[in-house]
Amino acid sequence: MSDRKQRLAKLVKVQRQLKALHETRHAGFLSEAAAAENEAVELVNRFDAKGSLSGMFPDVYHRRIGKAVARRQEQEELARTEAGKVAVATARTNMVERAYREVRQWDERQSADRDRLEIIERNAVADDR
């Protein structure tokens, strides 16, 4: 049973790494979405500012604002998708950890039972002498 325990221990480690990967990706997508939002707000503020070149090149400003908003929406959608993957990875990690704990406890009980049997056998042999 220790082979199974070792395999489950490795699987727990891999599942935790996978969960951390998805959490990192989720945070990255949220960060990119926030950066795109900030860029759009900055461009809008520059567009409305006095002395801005927006009067000469309005389509350039509008195009860049549109791209920033689209990028924010895309990153938010990627973040939502990644959040689902985080939830699945969390569930899998919890399931594997639970299985590992059960196997470890069973292995410990088996070991304790063997130790008790050895003690009983030694006492029985000693009593026969």
C-alpha atoms as a PDB file:
ATOM      1  CA  MET A   1       0.000   0.000   0.000  1.00  0.00           C
ATOM      2  CA  SER A   2       2.950   2.328   0.421  1.00  0.00           C
ATOM      3  CA  ASP A   3       3.297   2.414  -3.386  1.00  0.00           C
ATOM      4  CA  ARG A   4      -0.205   3.831  -3.616  1.00  0.00           C
ATOM      5  CA  LYS A   5       0.579   6.272  -0.830  1.00  0.00           C
ATOM      6  CA  GLN A   6       3.682   7.461  -2.681  1.00  0.00           C
ATOM      7  CA  ARG A   7       1.772   7.828  -5.943  1.00  0.00           C
ATOM      8  CA  LEU A   8      -0.956   9.809  -4.215  1.00  0.00           C
ATOM      9  CA  ALA A   9       1.635  12.024  -2.508  1.00  0.00           C
ATOM     10  CA  LYS A  10       3.147  12.822  -5.911  1.00  0.00           C
ATOM     11  CA  LEU A  11      -0.301  13.421  -7.355  1.00  0.00           C
ATOM     12  CA  VAL A  12      -1.126  15.832  -4.512  1.00  0.00           C
ATOM     13  CA  LYS A  13       2.040  17.757  -5.311  1.00  0.00           C
ATOM     14  CA  VAL A  14       1.192  17.910  -9.027  1.00  0.00           C
ATOM     15  CA  GLN A  15      -2.402  18.967  -8.332  1.00  0.00           C
ATOM     16  CA  ARG A  16      -1.207  21.773  -6.050  1.00  0.00           C
ATOM     17  CA  GLN A  17       1.197  22.973  -8.751  1.00  0.00           C
ATOM     18  CA  LEU A  18      -1.578  22.885 -11.350  1.00  0.00           C
ATOM     19  CA  LYS A  19      -3.872  24.844  -9.047  1.00  0.00           C
ATOM     20  CA  ALA A  20      -1.129  27.427  -8.457  1.00  0.00           C
ATOM     21  CA  LEU A  21      -0.592  27.716 -12.216  1.00  0.00           C
ATOM     22  CA  HIS A  22      -4.276  28.449 -12.823  1.00  0.00           C
ATOM     23  CA  GLU A  23      -4.361  30.946  -9.949  1.00  0.00           C
ATOM     24  CA  THR A  24      -1.323  32.723 -11.379  1.00  0.00           C
ATOM     25  CA  ARG A  25      -2.823  32.845 -14.862  1.00  0.00           C
ATOM     26  CA  HIS A  26      -6.110  34.161 -13.431  1.00  0.00           C
ATOM     27  CA  ALA A  27      -4.278  36.925 -11.596  1.00  0.00           C
ATOM     28  CA  GLY A  28      -2.320  37.773 -14.751  1.00  0.00           C
ATOM     29  CA  PHE A  29      -5.486  38.092 -16.820  1.00  0.00           C
ATOM     30  CA  LEU A  30      -7.073  40.325 -14.184  1.00  0.00           C
ATOM     31  CA  SER A  31      -3.948  42.457 -14.117  1.00  0.00           C
ATOM     32  CA  GLU A  32      -3.969  42.807 -17.906  1.00  0.00           C
ATOM     33  CA  ALA A  33      -7.666  43.730 -17.834  1.00  0.00           C
ATOM     34  CA  ALA A  34      -7.000  46.430 -15.252  1.00  0.00           C
ATOM     35  CA  ALA A  35      -4.086  47.784 -17.303  1.00  0.00           C
ATOM     36  CA  ALA A  36      -6.276  47.942 -20.419  1.00  0.00           C
ATOM     37  CA  GLU A  37      -8.997  49.724 -18.427  1.00  0.00           C
ATOM     38  CA  ASN A  38      -6.457  52.251 -17.139  1.00  0.00           C
ATOM     39  CA  GLU A  39      -5.191  52.827 -20.665  1.00  0.00           C
ATOM     40  CA  ALA A  40      -8.724  53.453 -21.943  1.00  0.00           C
ATOM     41  CA  VAL A  41      -9.469  55.898 -19.119  1.00  0.00           C
ATOM     42  CA  GLU A  42      -6.165  57.700 -19.729  1.00  0.00           C
ATOM     43  CA  LEU A  43      -6.899  58.007 -23.435  1.00  0.00           C
ATOM     44  CA  VAL A  44     -10.389  59.354 -22.749  1.00  0.00           C
ATOM     45  CA  ASN A  45      -8.939  61.918 -20.325  1.00  0.00           C
ATOM     46  CA  ARG A  46      -6.349  62.977 -22.897  1.00  0.00           C
ATOM     47  CA  PHE A  47      -9.041  63.175 -25.560  1.00  0.00           C
ATOM     48  CA  ASP A  48     -11.027  65.621 -23.414  1.00  0.00           C
ATOM     49  CA  ALA A  49      -7.993  67.661 -22.287  1.00  0.00           C
ATOM     50  CA  LYS A  50      -7.317  71.160 -23.560  1.00  0.00           C
ATOM     51  CA  GLY A  51      -4.515  71.406 -26.053  1.00  0.00           C
ATOM     52  CA  SER A  52      -4.970  67.792 -27.052  1.00  0.00           C
ATOM     53  CA  LEU A  53      -4.331  66.650 -30.571  1.00  0.00           C
ATOM     54  CA  SER A  54      -7.637  64.788 -30.481  1.00  0.00           C
ATOM     55  CA  GLY A  55      -9.256  67.494 -32.590  1.00  0.00           C
ATOM     56  CA  MET A  56      -6.813  66.760 -35.385  1.00  0.00           C
ATOM     57  CA  PHE A  57      -6.799  62.956 -35.068  1.00  0.00           C
ATOM     58  CA  PRO A  58     -10.103  61.879 -33.456  1.00  0.00           C
ATOM     59  CA  ASP A  59     -10.229  58.510 -35.234  1.00  0.00           C
ATOM     60  CA  VAL A  60      -6.788  57.559 -33.887  1.00  0.00           C
ATOM     61  CA  TYR A  61      -7.956  58.249 -30.331  1.00  0.00           C
ATOM     62  CA  HIS A  62     -11.247  56.437 -30.854  1.00  0.00           C
ATOM     63  CA  ARG A  63      -9.508  53.450 -32.396  1.00  0.00           C
ATOM     64  CA  ARG A  64      -7.009  53.183 -29.517  1.00  0.00           C
ATOM     65  CA  ILE A  65      -9.771  53.576 -26.925  1.00  0.00           C
ATOM     66  CA  GLY A  66     -11.786  50.874 -28.694  1.00  0.00           C
ATOM     67  CA  LYS A  67      -8.802  48.523 -28.756  1.00  0.00           C
ATOM     68  CA  ALA A  68      -8.123  49.092 -25.064  1.00  0.00           C
ATOM     69  CA  VAL A  69     -11.761  48.384 -24.162  1.00  0.00           C
ATOM     70  CA  ALA A  70     -11.792  45.265 -26.361  1.00  0.00           C
ATOM     71  CA  ARG A  71      -8.543  44.060 -24.766  1.00  0.00           C
ATOM     72  CA  ARG A  72     -10.031  44.585 -21.304  1.00  0.00           C
ATOM     73  CA  GLN A  73     -13.121  42.554 -22.227  1.00  0.00           C
ATOM     74  CA  GLU A  74     -10.999  39.781 -23.717  1.00  0.00           C
ATOM     75  CA  GLN A  75      -8.776  39.604 -20.625  1.00  0.00           C
ATOM     76  CA  GLU A  76     -11.807  39.569 -18.328  1.00  0.00           C
ATOM     77  CA  GLU A  77     -13.281  36.670 -20.302  1.00  0.00           C
ATOM     78  CA  LEU A  78      -9.981  34.798 -20.082  1.00  0.00           C
ATOM     79  CA  ALA A  79      -9.935  35.487 -16.329  1.00  0.00           C
ATOM     80  CA  ARG A  80     -13.471  34.080 -15.966  1.00  0.00           C
ATOM     81  CA  THR A  81     -12.456  30.952 -17.865  1.00  0.00           C
ATOM     82  CA  GLU A  82      -9.349  30.581 -15.728  1.00  0.00           C
ATOM     83  CA  ALA A  83     -11.435  31.052 -12.556  1.00  0.00           C
ATOM     84  CA  GLY A  84     -13.438  27.999 -13.600  1.00  0.00           C
ATOM     85  CA  LYS A  85     -10.212  26.066 -14.041  1.00  0.00           C
ATOM     86  CA  VAL A  86      -9.101  27.184 -10.570  1.00  0.00           C
ATOM     87  CA  ALA A  87     -12.359  25.842  -9.124  1.00  0.00           C
ATOM     88  CA  VAL A  88     -11.914  22.491 -10.887  1.00  0.00           C
ATOM     89  CA  ALA A  89      -8.270  22.261  -9.813  1.00  0.00           C
ATOM     90  CA  THR A  90      -9.260  23.060  -6.225  1.00  0.00           C
ATOM     91  CA  ALA A  91     -11.880  20.312  -6.244  1.00  0.00           C
ATOM     92  CA  ARG A  92      -9.424  17.803  -7.707  1.00  0.00           C
ATOM     93  CA  THR A  93      -6.730  18.794  -5.224  1.00  0.00           C
ATOM     94  CA  ASN A  94      -9.122  18.373  -2.308  1.00  0.00           C
ATOM     95  CA  MET A  95     -10.231  14.971  -3.611  1.00  0.00           C
ATOM     96  CA  VAL A  96      -6.662  13.714  -4.049  1.00  0.00           C
ATOM     97  CA  GLU A  97      -5.621  15.077  -0.640  1.00  0.00           C
ATOM     98  CA  ARG A  98      -8.556  13.298   0.973  1.00  0.00           C
ATOM     99  CA  ALA A  99      -7.624  10.014  -0.748  1.00  0.00           C
ATOM    100  CA  TYR A 100      -3.997  10.465   0.330  1.00  0.00           C
ATOM    101  CA  ARG A 101      -5.013  11.070   3.962  1.00  0.00           C
ATOM    102  CA  GLU A 102      -7.224   7.965   3.927  1.00  0.00           C
ATOM    103  CA  VAL A 103      -4.438   5.800   2.498  1.00  0.00           C
ATOM    104  CA  ARG A 104      -1.921   7.221   4.946  1.00  0.00           C
ATOM    105  CA  GLN A 105      -4.247   6.550   7.897  1.00  0.00           C
ATOM    106  CA  TRP A 106      -4.953   3.028   6.657  1.00  0.00           C
ATOM    107  CA  ASP A 107      -1.228   2.392   6.232  1.00  0.00           C
ATOM    108  CA  GLU A 108      -0.565   3.676   9.754  1.00  0.00           C
ATOM    109  CA  ARG A 109      -3.310   1.429  11.192  1.00  0.00           C
ATOM    110  CA  GLN A 110      -1.878  -1.562   9.347  1.00  0.00           C
ATOM    111  CA  SER A 111       1.587  -0.796  10.682  1.00  0.00           C
ATOM    112  CA  ALA A 112       0.272  -0.416  14.233  1.00  0.00           C
ATOM    113  CA  ASP A 113      -1.654  -3.692  13.909  1.00  0.00           C
ATOM    114  CA  ARG A 114       1.498  -5.488  12.743  1.00  0.00           C
ATOM    115  CA  ASP A 115       3.468  -4.030  15.651  1.00  0.00           C
ATOM    116  CA  ARG A 116       0.818  -5.169  18.147  1.00  0.00           C
ATOM    117  CA  LEU A 117       0.769  -8.662  16.621  1.00  0.00           C
ATOM    118  CA  GLU A 118       4.555  -8.894  16.910  1.00  0.00           C
ATOM    119  CA  ILE A 119       4.373  -7.868  20.563  1.00  0.00           C
ATOM    120  CA  ILE A 120       1.648 -10.443  21.242  1.00  0.00           C
ATOM    121  CA  GLU A 121       3.650 -13.171  19.478  1.00  0.00           C
ATOM    122  CA  ARG A 122       6.783 -12.303  21.462  1.00  0.00           C
ATOM    123  CA  ASN A 123       4.844 -12.422  24.715  1.00  0.00           C
ATOM    124  CA  ALA A 124       3.276 -15.761  23.731  1.00  0.00           C
ATOM    125  CA  VAL A 125       6.705 -17.212  22.897  1.00  0.00           C
ATOM    126  CA  ALA A 126       8.154 -15.852  26.130  1.00  0.00           C
ATOM    127  CA  ASP A 127       5.271 -17.349  28.142  1.00  0.00           C
ATOM    128  CA  ASP A 128       5.833 -20.773  26.514  1.00  0.00           C
ATOM    129  CA  ARG A 129       9.423 -20.889  27.724  1.00  0.00           C
END
